[in-house]
Amino acid sequence: HLFNVSGVCQFSIYFLPWDAMGKFLSLVTGWQLSSEEITMICERVSAIRQAFNLREGLSPKDFRLPRRVVGVPPLKEGPTANITVDVDTLVSEYYKALDWDPETGKPSPKRLLELGLEDVAKNLWGIEMDEEVLRGMMVKGTI
């Protein structure tokens, strides 16, 4: 997502190393960001994008790769011969790693708060509480 939101050519992801993008961002903005901060920015972008899609009525099932891309039917020759990718399992594991609901694709309120996206948590989950109450619930493990 860093390449996507930075405004640079999307093809640069194939030839620019990850740390070069961080240096580029620093030179352009003057921000000195650690790799952890850059990762957090990217995760925020991902969560906001997911919340936007959900709000607009799109679900994870609306994003499907063509069957042929995942090996249905499997190719008979080449490096991916006889391989079919279990996309549903991969997506489910990806969502779990991000602390998103594997069925609905909704980022958890807890993760949204950790990312500093209180407004998104309120909008997506219908939680109408102030930030302090939300954080208290997060600390107690009730969300």
N, C-alpha and C. Protein backbone atom coordinates (compact mmCIF):
# COMPACT_ATOMS: atom_id res chain seq x y z
N HIS A 1 0.81 -1.20 0.00
CA HIS A 1 0.00 0.00 0.00
C HIS A 1 0.85 1.27 0.00
N LEU A 2 2.06 1.17 0.50
CA LEU A 2 2.93 2.35 0.54
C LEU A 2 3.18 2.87 -0.87
N PHE A 3 3.46 1.98 -1.80
CA PHE A 3 3.69 2.41 -3.18
C PHE A 3 2.40 3.00 -3.75
N ASN A 4 1.29 2.40 -3.42
CA ASN A 4 0.00 2.84 -3.94
C ASN A 4 -0.34 4.26 -3.49
N VAL A 5 -0.17 4.57 -2.22
CA VAL A 5 -0.57 5.88 -1.71
C VAL A 5 0.49 6.96 -1.90
N SER A 6 1.70 6.55 -2.29
CA SER A 6 2.78 7.54 -2.43
C SER A 6 2.72 8.31 -3.74
N GLY A 7 1.99 7.78 -4.70
CA GLY A 7 1.90 8.46 -5.98
C GLY A 7 2.96 8.05 -6.98
N VAL A 8 3.84 7.13 -6.60
CA VAL A 8 4.86 6.68 -7.56
C VAL A 8 4.26 5.63 -8.49
N CYS A 9 4.93 5.40 -9.58
CA CYS A 9 4.49 4.41 -10.56
C CYS A 9 4.33 3.05 -9.89
N GLN A 10 3.22 2.40 -10.15
CA GLN A 10 2.95 1.09 -9.55
C GLN A 10 3.97 0.03 -9.96
N PHE A 11 4.59 0.19 -11.11
CA PHE A 11 5.58 -0.79 -11.55
C PHE A 11 6.87 -0.70 -10.75
N SER A 12 7.07 0.41 -10.03
CA SER A 12 8.30 0.56 -9.25
C SER A 12 8.41 -0.48 -8.14
N ILE A 13 7.30 -1.07 -7.75
CA ILE A 13 7.33 -2.10 -6.71
C ILE A 13 8.20 -3.28 -7.14
N TYR A 14 8.36 -3.46 -8.44
CA TYR A 14 9.13 -4.60 -8.95
C TYR A 14 10.63 -4.35 -8.97
N PHE A 15 11.06 -3.09 -8.92
CA PHE A 15 12.49 -2.85 -8.98
C PHE A 15 13.04 -1.98 -7.86
N LEU A 16 12.18 -1.37 -7.06
CA LEU A 16 12.64 -0.57 -5.92
C LEU A 16 12.62 -1.42 -4.66
N PRO A 17 13.73 -1.52 -3.94
CA PRO A 17 13.69 -2.27 -2.68
C PRO A 17 12.84 -1.52 -1.65
N TRP A 18 12.29 -2.29 -0.71
CA TRP A 18 11.40 -1.74 0.32
C TRP A 18 12.04 -0.56 1.04
N ASP A 19 13.31 -0.68 1.46
CA ASP A 19 13.95 0.40 2.22
C ASP A 19 14.15 1.65 1.37
N ALA A 20 14.27 1.50 0.06
CA ALA A 20 14.40 2.67 -0.82
C ALA A 20 13.12 3.49 -0.78
N MET A 21 11.99 2.82 -0.69
CA MET A 21 10.72 3.55 -0.63
C MET A 21 10.64 4.36 0.66
N GLY A 22 11.13 3.81 1.76
CA GLY A 22 11.16 4.55 3.02
C GLY A 22 12.05 5.77 2.92
N LYS A 23 13.19 5.62 2.26
CA LYS A 23 14.10 6.76 2.07
C LYS A 23 13.46 7.82 1.18
N PHE A 24 12.80 7.37 0.13
CA PHE A 24 12.09 8.28 -0.77
C PHE A 24 11.04 9.08 0.01
N LEU A 25 10.27 8.39 0.81
CA LEU A 25 9.23 9.05 1.62
C LEU A 25 9.85 10.07 2.56
N SER A 26 10.97 9.73 3.15
CA SER A 26 11.67 10.65 4.05
C SER A 26 12.16 11.89 3.31
N LEU A 27 12.73 11.70 2.12
CA LEU A 27 13.22 12.84 1.34
C LEU A 27 12.10 13.77 0.91
N VAL A 28 10.97 13.20 0.55
CA VAL A 28 9.85 14.00 0.06
C VAL A 28 9.13 14.73 1.19
N THR A 29 8.96 14.06 2.34
CA THR A 29 8.15 14.63 3.42
C THR A 29 8.96 15.22 4.57
N GLY A 30 10.20 14.78 4.71
CA GLY A 30 11.00 15.19 5.86
C GLY A 30 10.75 14.32 7.08
N TRP A 31 9.85 13.35 6.96
CA TRP A 31 9.55 12.46 8.08
C TRP A 31 10.63 11.40 8.18
N GLN A 32 11.04 11.10 9.39
CA GLN A 32 11.98 10.01 9.64
C GLN A 32 11.18 8.85 10.22
N LEU A 33 10.74 7.96 9.37
CA LEU A 33 9.88 6.86 9.80
C LEU A 33 10.65 5.55 9.88
N SER A 34 10.40 4.81 10.93
CA SER A 34 11.00 3.48 11.07
C SER A 34 10.23 2.51 10.17
N SER A 35 10.80 1.35 9.96
CA SER A 35 10.09 0.35 9.15
C SER A 35 8.80 -0.08 9.85
N GLU A 36 8.78 -0.07 11.19
CA GLU A 36 7.55 -0.40 11.93
C GLU A 36 6.47 0.65 11.68
N GLU A 37 6.87 1.93 11.64
CA GLU A 37 5.90 3.00 11.39
C GLU A 37 5.37 2.92 9.96
N ILE A 38 6.23 2.59 9.03
CA ILE A 38 5.79 2.44 7.64
C ILE A 38 4.83 1.27 7.52
N THR A 39 5.13 0.18 8.20
CA THR A 39 4.24 -0.97 8.19
C THR A 39 2.89 -0.60 8.78
N MET A 40 2.89 0.19 9.85
CA MET A 40 1.64 0.63 10.48
C MET A 40 0.83 1.50 9.52
N ILE A 41 1.49 2.39 8.81
CA ILE A 41 0.81 3.23 7.82
C ILE A 41 0.14 2.34 6.77
N CYS A 42 0.87 1.36 6.30
CA CYS A 42 0.33 0.46 5.28
C CYS A 42 -0.87 -0.33 5.81
N GLU A 43 -0.78 -0.76 7.06
CA GLU A 43 -1.90 -1.50 7.64
C GLU A 43 -3.11 -0.60 7.84
N ARG A 44 -2.86 0.66 8.18
CA ARG A 44 -3.97 1.61 8.31
C ARG A 44 -4.68 1.78 6.96
N VAL A 45 -3.89 1.93 5.90
CA VAL A 45 -4.47 2.08 4.56
C VAL A 45 -5.31 0.85 4.23
N SER A 46 -4.78 -0.33 4.51
CA SER A 46 -5.50 -1.56 4.23
C SER A 46 -6.82 -1.64 5.00
N ALA A 47 -6.79 -1.28 6.27
CA ALA A 47 -8.00 -1.33 7.10
C ALA A 47 -9.03 -0.31 6.64
N ILE A 48 -8.58 0.88 6.30
CA ILE A 48 -9.51 1.91 5.82
C ILE A 48 -10.14 1.48 4.50
N ARG A 49 -9.31 0.95 3.62
CA ARG A 49 -9.82 0.47 2.32
C ARG A 49 -10.85 -0.63 2.52
N GLN A 50 -10.56 -1.57 3.41
CA GLN A 50 -11.48 -2.67 3.68
C GLN A 50 -12.79 -2.14 4.27
N ALA A 51 -12.69 -1.22 5.23
CA ALA A 51 -13.89 -0.65 5.85
C ALA A 51 -14.72 0.11 4.82
N PHE A 52 -14.06 0.84 3.94
CA PHE A 52 -14.78 1.56 2.88
C PHE A 52 -15.55 0.58 2.00
N ASN A 53 -14.87 -0.48 1.56
CA ASN A 53 -15.54 -1.46 0.70
C ASN A 53 -16.73 -2.10 1.40
N LEU A 54 -16.56 -2.44 2.68
CA LEU A 54 -17.66 -3.04 3.43
C LEU A 54 -18.82 -2.06 3.57
N ARG A 55 -18.50 -0.80 3.87
CA ARG A 55 -19.54 0.22 4.00
C ARG A 55 -20.33 0.38 2.70
N GLU A 56 -19.64 0.23 1.58
CA GLU A 56 -20.28 0.40 0.28
C GLU A 56 -20.95 -0.87 -0.22
N GLY A 57 -21.00 -1.90 0.63
CA GLY A 57 -21.74 -3.11 0.29
C GLY A 57 -20.93 -4.21 -0.36
N LEU A 58 -19.63 -4.04 -0.46
CA LEU A 58 -18.79 -5.10 -1.03
C LEU A 58 -18.36 -6.04 0.08
N SER A 59 -18.36 -7.32 -0.21
CA SER A 59 -17.92 -8.31 0.77
C SER A 59 -16.69 -9.03 0.23
N PRO A 60 -16.00 -9.78 1.07
CA PRO A 60 -14.83 -10.52 0.59
C PRO A 60 -15.16 -11.44 -0.59
N LYS A 61 -16.38 -11.93 -0.65
CA LYS A 61 -16.77 -12.83 -1.74
C LYS A 61 -16.86 -12.10 -3.08
N ASP A 62 -16.90 -10.76 -3.04
CA ASP A 62 -16.93 -9.98 -4.29
C ASP A 62 -15.56 -9.88 -4.94
N PHE A 63 -14.52 -10.29 -4.24
CA PHE A 63 -13.16 -10.20 -4.76
C PHE A 63 -12.64 -11.61 -5.01
N ARG A 64 -12.82 -12.07 -6.20
CA ARG A 64 -12.42 -13.43 -6.56
C ARG A 64 -11.45 -13.38 -7.73
N LEU A 65 -10.40 -14.19 -7.62
CA LEU A 65 -9.48 -14.35 -8.73
C LEU A 65 -10.11 -15.28 -9.76
N PRO A 66 -9.77 -15.09 -11.02
CA PRO A 66 -10.27 -16.04 -12.02
C PRO A 66 -9.81 -17.45 -11.66
N ARG A 67 -10.68 -18.42 -11.88
CA ARG A 67 -10.39 -19.80 -11.50
C ARG A 67 -9.08 -20.30 -12.10
N ARG A 68 -8.83 -19.91 -13.30
CA ARG A 68 -7.62 -20.39 -13.98
C ARG A 68 -6.34 -19.90 -13.28
N VAL A 69 -6.39 -18.71 -12.70
CA VAL A 69 -5.22 -18.15 -12.01
C VAL A 69 -4.83 -19.01 -10.81
N VAL A 70 -5.81 -19.59 -10.15
CA VAL A 70 -5.53 -20.39 -8.94
C VAL A 70 -5.43 -21.88 -9.23
N GLY A 71 -5.39 -22.23 -10.52
CA GLY A 71 -5.16 -23.62 -10.88
C GLY A 71 -6.40 -24.47 -11.00
N VAL A 72 -7.50 -23.89 -11.45
CA VAL A 72 -8.73 -24.65 -11.68
C VAL A 72 -9.10 -24.49 -13.15
N PRO A 73 -8.90 -25.49 -13.96
CA PRO A 73 -8.25 -26.76 -13.66
C PRO A 73 -6.74 -26.59 -13.57
N PRO A 74 -6.04 -27.50 -12.89
CA PRO A 74 -4.59 -27.39 -12.77
C PRO A 74 -3.90 -27.50 -14.13
N LEU A 75 -2.81 -26.76 -14.26
CA LEU A 75 -2.03 -26.87 -15.48
C LEU A 75 -1.39 -28.25 -15.55
N LYS A 76 -1.15 -28.73 -16.75
CA LYS A 76 -0.55 -30.06 -16.92
C LYS A 76 0.96 -30.00 -17.01
N GLU A 77 1.51 -28.79 -17.28
CA GLU A 77 2.96 -28.65 -17.44
C GLU A 77 3.43 -27.38 -16.75
N GLY A 78 4.74 -27.29 -16.58
CA GLY A 78 5.34 -26.08 -16.04
C GLY A 78 5.51 -26.12 -14.53
N PRO A 79 6.05 -25.02 -13.97
CA PRO A 79 6.36 -24.99 -12.53
C PRO A 79 5.13 -25.08 -11.62
N THR A 80 3.96 -24.77 -12.14
CA THR A 80 2.74 -24.86 -11.32
C THR A 80 1.84 -26.01 -11.77
N ALA A 81 2.44 -26.99 -12.45
CA ALA A 81 1.66 -28.15 -12.91
C ALA A 81 1.05 -28.87 -11.72
N ASN A 82 -0.21 -29.24 -11.88
CA ASN A 82 -0.94 -30.02 -10.87
C ASN A 82 -1.11 -29.31 -9.53
N ILE A 83 -1.05 -27.99 -9.55
CA ILE A 83 -1.21 -27.22 -8.31
C ILE A 83 -2.49 -26.40 -8.39
N THR A 84 -3.30 -26.52 -7.35
CA THR A 84 -4.48 -25.67 -7.19
C THR A 84 -4.32 -24.94 -5.87
N VAL A 85 -4.48 -23.63 -5.90
CA VAL A 85 -4.30 -22.80 -4.71
C VAL A 85 -5.62 -22.75 -3.94
N ASP A 86 -5.56 -23.02 -2.65
CA ASP A 86 -6.74 -22.93 -1.78
C ASP A 86 -6.87 -21.48 -1.31
N VAL A 87 -7.47 -20.67 -2.16
CA VAL A 87 -7.57 -19.23 -1.90
C VAL A 87 -8.39 -18.95 -0.65
N ASP A 88 -9.45 -19.70 -0.42
CA ASP A 88 -10.29 -19.45 0.75
C ASP A 88 -9.49 -19.58 2.05
N THR A 89 -8.66 -20.61 2.13
CA THR A 89 -7.82 -20.79 3.32
C THR A 89 -6.80 -19.67 3.44
N LEU A 90 -6.17 -19.30 2.33
CA LEU A 90 -5.19 -18.21 2.36
C LEU A 90 -5.81 -16.90 2.81
N VAL A 91 -6.98 -16.58 2.27
CA VAL A 91 -7.66 -15.34 2.66
C VAL A 91 -8.05 -15.38 4.13
N SER A 92 -8.58 -16.51 4.57
CA SER A 92 -8.96 -16.65 5.98
C SER A 92 -7.76 -16.46 6.90
N GLU A 93 -6.64 -17.06 6.57
CA GLU A 93 -5.43 -16.91 7.39
C GLU A 93 -4.90 -15.48 7.35
N TYR A 94 -4.98 -14.85 6.20
CA TYR A 94 -4.57 -13.45 6.05
C TYR A 94 -5.43 -12.55 6.94
N TYR A 95 -6.75 -12.76 6.89
CA TYR A 95 -7.66 -11.97 7.72
C TYR A 95 -7.37 -12.18 9.20
N LYS A 96 -7.14 -13.42 9.60
CA LYS A 96 -6.82 -13.70 11.00
C LYS A 96 -5.53 -12.99 11.42
N ALA A 97 -4.53 -13.00 10.55
CA ALA A 97 -3.25 -12.34 10.86
C ALA A 97 -3.43 -10.83 11.05
N LEU A 98 -4.40 -10.25 10.33
CA LEU A 98 -4.67 -8.82 10.44
C LEU A 98 -5.67 -8.50 11.56
N ASP A 99 -6.21 -9.54 12.20
CA ASP A 99 -7.26 -9.40 13.22
C ASP A 99 -8.54 -8.87 12.58
N TRP A 100 -8.87 -9.46 11.44
CA TRP A 100 -10.13 -9.21 10.75
C TRP A 100 -10.98 -10.47 10.87
N ASP A 101 -12.29 -10.30 10.85
CA ASP A 101 -13.18 -11.45 10.91
C ASP A 101 -13.02 -12.26 9.62
N PRO A 102 -12.70 -13.56 9.72
CA PRO A 102 -12.47 -14.37 8.52
C PRO A 102 -13.71 -14.54 7.65
N GLU A 103 -14.89 -14.42 8.23
CA GLU A 103 -16.13 -14.59 7.45
C GLU A 103 -16.56 -13.30 6.77
N THR A 104 -16.57 -12.21 7.53
CA THR A 104 -17.10 -10.94 7.00
C THR A 104 -16.02 -10.03 6.45
N GLY A 105 -14.78 -10.25 6.86
CA GLY A 105 -13.70 -9.36 6.45
C GLY A 105 -13.63 -8.07 7.24
N LYS A 106 -14.45 -7.96 8.29
CA LYS A 106 -14.45 -6.73 9.10
C LYS A 106 -13.22 -6.67 10.00
N PRO A 107 -12.45 -5.58 9.93
CA PRO A 107 -11.36 -5.41 10.90
C PRO A 107 -11.96 -5.32 12.30
N SER A 108 -11.32 -5.96 13.26
CA SER A 108 -11.86 -5.96 14.62
C SER A 108 -11.80 -4.55 15.21
N PRO A 109 -12.73 -4.22 16.10
CA PRO A 109 -12.67 -2.91 16.75
C PRO A 109 -11.34 -2.72 17.48
N LYS A 110 -10.86 -3.79 18.10
CA LYS A 110 -9.59 -3.72 18.83
C LYS A 110 -8.45 -3.30 17.90
N ARG A 111 -8.35 -3.95 16.74
CA ARG A 111 -7.26 -3.62 15.82
C ARG A 111 -7.43 -2.22 15.25
N LEU A 112 -8.64 -1.82 14.96
CA LEU A 112 -8.87 -0.47 14.45
C LEU A 112 -8.42 0.57 15.46
N LEU A 113 -8.68 0.31 16.74
CA LEU A 113 -8.26 1.25 17.79
C LEU A 113 -6.74 1.26 17.91
N GLU A 114 -6.12 0.09 17.81
CA GLU A 114 -4.66 0.02 17.87
C GLU A 114 -4.03 0.81 16.73
N LEU A 115 -4.71 0.86 15.61
CA LEU A 115 -4.22 1.60 14.44
C LEU A 115 -4.57 3.08 14.51
N GLY A 116 -5.28 3.48 15.57
CA GLY A 116 -5.67 4.88 15.71
C GLY A 116 -6.84 5.26 14.83
N LEU A 117 -7.67 4.29 14.49
CA LEU A 117 -8.80 4.53 13.59
C LEU A 117 -10.13 4.44 14.35
N GLU A 118 -10.24 5.26 15.40
CA GLU A 118 -11.44 5.25 16.24
C GLU A 118 -12.69 5.56 15.43
N ASP A 119 -12.59 6.54 14.52
CA ASP A 119 -13.75 6.92 13.72
C ASP A 119 -14.21 5.76 12.83
N VAL A 120 -13.27 5.00 12.32
CA VAL A 120 -13.61 3.85 11.48
C VAL A 120 -14.28 2.77 12.34
N ALA A 121 -13.76 2.54 13.55
CA ALA A 121 -14.37 1.55 14.46
C ALA A 121 -15.80 1.95 14.78
N LYS A 122 -16.01 3.23 15.05
CA LYS A 122 -17.36 3.70 15.37
C LYS A 122 -18.29 3.51 14.18
N ASN A 123 -17.81 3.86 12.97
CA ASN A 123 -18.64 3.76 11.77
C ASN A 123 -18.91 2.31 11.39
N LEU A 124 -17.89 1.48 11.41
CA LEU A 124 -18.01 0.11 10.93
C LEU A 124 -18.78 -0.78 11.89
N TRP A 125 -18.58 -0.56 13.18
CA TRP A 125 -19.19 -1.42 14.18
C TRP A 125 -20.38 -0.77 14.88
N GLY A 126 -20.71 0.46 14.52
CA GLY A 126 -21.83 1.14 15.16
C GLY A 126 -21.59 1.44 16.61
N ILE A 127 -20.33 1.58 16.98
CA ILE A 127 -19.98 1.85 18.37
C ILE A 127 -20.03 3.36 18.57
N GLU A 128 -20.95 3.81 19.38
CA GLU A 128 -21.11 5.25 19.62
C GLU A 128 -20.63 5.61 21.01
N MET A 129 -19.34 5.49 21.23
CA MET A 129 -18.74 5.84 22.51
C MET A 129 -17.54 6.72 22.25
N ASP A 130 -17.15 7.43 23.27
CA ASP A 130 -15.96 8.26 23.08
C ASP A 130 -14.71 7.39 23.10
N GLU A 131 -13.62 7.98 22.66
CA GLU A 131 -12.37 7.25 22.51
C GLU A 131 -11.90 6.61 23.81
N GLU A 132 -12.07 7.30 24.92
CA GLU A 132 -11.61 6.78 26.21
C GLU A 132 -12.37 5.52 26.59
N VAL A 133 -13.69 5.50 26.37
CA VAL A 133 -14.49 4.32 26.67
C VAL A 133 -14.08 3.16 25.78
N LEU A 134 -13.88 3.44 24.48
CA LEU A 134 -13.45 2.40 23.55
C LEU A 134 -12.11 1.80 23.97
N ARG A 135 -11.18 2.66 24.34
CA ARG A 135 -9.86 2.17 24.76
C ARG A 135 -9.97 1.35 26.05
N GLY A 136 -10.84 1.76 26.96
CA GLY A 136 -11.05 1.00 28.18
C GLY A 136 -11.59 -0.39 27.89
N MET A 137 -12.53 -0.47 26.95
CA MET A 137 -13.08 -1.76 26.55
C MET A 137 -11.99 -2.63 25.92
N MET A 138 -11.11 -2.00 25.15
CA MET A 138 -10.04 -2.74 24.50
C MET A 138 -9.09 -3.31 25.55
N VAL A 139 -8.73 -2.51 26.54
CA VAL A 139 -7.82 -2.95 27.60
C VAL A 139 -8.44 -4.11 28.39
N LYS A 140 -9.75 -4.02 28.65
CA LYS A 140 -10.44 -5.08 29.40
C LYS A 140 -10.67 -6.33 28.56
N GLY A 141 -10.47 -6.22 27.26
CA GLY A 141 -10.67 -7.37 26.39
C GLY A 141 -12.11 -7.63 26.03
N THR A 142 -12.97 -6.63 26.19
CA THR A 142 -14.38 -6.83 25.86
C THR A 142 -14.68 -6.56 24.39
N ILE A 143 -13.70 -6.02 23.67
CA ILE A 143 -13.85 -5.89 22.21
C ILE A 143 -12.60 -6.40 21.55
